[in-house]
């Protein structure tokens, strides 16, 4: 959604609920953290598998899913669709 579209939507809907505003207030910061969060989640899946809490197949599915998420986020960022992230 473009900036003018967002402004129009805000005008139609009124002010955001304070709870929603607090919840979404960190999105700009969160967008900078996602690469590190994905790497950490992959490491955690591998550690859980080493500890015997995940099977190798479960670990592989989790890591593959996280790779897919990373690729999609990178694609969105490269194409300039930051607002969709």
Protein backbone atom coordinates (compact mmCIF):
# COMPACT_ATOMS: atom_id res chain seq x y z
CA UNK A 1 0.00 0.00 0.00
CA UNK A 2 1.45 3.36 -0.99
CA UNK A 3 1.88 6.21 1.48
CA UNK A 4 -1.09 8.17 0.04
CA UNK A 5 -3.26 5.05 0.25
CA UNK A 6 -2.24 4.51 3.88
CA UNK A 7 -3.02 8.13 4.70
CA UNK A 8 -6.43 7.81 3.06
CA UNK A 9 -7.15 4.60 4.96
CA UNK A 10 -6.18 6.28 8.26
CA UNK A 11 -8.45 9.21 7.47
CA UNK A 12 -11.38 6.89 6.77
CA UNK A 13 -10.80 4.67 9.76
CA UNK A 14 -9.87 7.32 12.30
CA UNK A 15 -7.06 7.11 14.81
CA UNK A 16 -5.54 3.73 15.53
CA UNK A 17 -6.35 2.04 18.79
CA UNK A 18 -3.52 2.81 21.27
CA UNK A 19 -2.89 -0.91 21.76
CA UNK A 20 -2.52 -1.44 18.01
CA UNK A 21 -0.26 1.60 17.75
CA UNK A 22 2.03 0.21 20.47
CA UNK A 23 2.06 -3.22 18.83
CA UNK A 24 3.03 -1.90 15.39
CA UNK A 25 5.25 0.92 16.62
CA UNK A 26 8.40 -1.21 16.44
CA UNK A 27 7.93 -2.47 12.88
CA UNK A 28 10.68 -0.26 11.43
CA UNK A 29 13.12 -1.63 14.00
CA UNK A 30 11.86 -5.19 13.57
CA UNK A 31 12.50 -4.98 9.83
CA UNK A 32 16.20 -4.49 10.55
CA UNK A 33 16.31 -7.53 12.85
CA UNK A 34 14.65 -10.17 10.69
CA UNK A 35 17.87 -11.49 9.08
CA UNK A 36 19.39 -12.11 12.51
CA UNK A 37 16.16 -13.61 13.82
CA UNK A 38 16.09 -16.12 10.96
CA UNK A 39 19.72 -17.12 11.51
CA UNK A 40 19.05 -17.54 15.23
CA UNK A 41 15.96 -19.64 14.57
CA UNK A 42 17.95 -21.89 12.23
CA UNK A 43 20.66 -22.33 14.86
CA UNK A 44 18.03 -23.12 17.49
CA UNK A 45 16.42 -25.77 15.26
CA UNK A 46 19.84 -27.38 14.76
CA UNK A 47 20.52 -27.29 18.51
CA UNK A 48 17.16 -28.88 19.27
CA UNK A 49 17.94 -31.65 16.78
CA UNK A 50 21.37 -32.23 18.37
CA UNK A 51 19.65 -32.47 21.77
CA UNK A 52 17.28 -35.09 20.38
CA UNK A 53 14.17 -32.90 20.67
CA UNK A 54 13.68 -32.68 16.90
CA UNK A 55 14.27 -35.37 14.32
CA UNK A 56 16.63 -34.66 11.45
CA UNK A 57 13.61 -34.46 9.13
CA UNK A 58 11.88 -31.94 11.40
CA UNK A 59 15.05 -29.87 11.61
CA UNK A 60 15.44 -29.93 7.85
CA UNK A 61 11.81 -28.84 7.29
CA UNK A 62 12.20 -25.96 9.74
CA UNK A 63 15.47 -24.79 8.23
CA UNK A 64 14.07 -25.10 4.69
CA UNK A 65 11.01 -23.09 5.71
CA UNK A 66 13.18 -20.38 7.23
CA UNK A 67 15.29 -20.30 4.05
CA UNK A 68 12.08 -19.79 2.07
CA UNK A 69 11.03 -16.94 4.36
CA UNK A 70 14.47 -15.35 4.05
CA UNK A 71 14.40 -15.58 0.25
CA UNK A 72 10.91 -14.06 0.08
CA UNK A 73 11.83 -11.18 2.38
CA UNK A 74 14.99 -10.52 0.38
CA UNK A 75 12.96 -10.55 -2.85
CA UNK A 76 10.49 -8.06 -1.39
CA UNK A 77 13.28 -5.78 -0.22
CA UNK A 78 15.12 -5.91 -3.54
CA UNK A 79 11.96 -5.07 -5.48
CA UNK A 80 11.26 -2.15 -3.17
CA UNK A 81 8.22 -3.65 -1.51
CA UNK A 82 9.40 -2.81 2.00
CA UNK A 83 5.90 -1.92 3.16
CA UNK A 84 4.83 -5.52 2.52
CA UNK A 85 7.43 -6.85 4.97
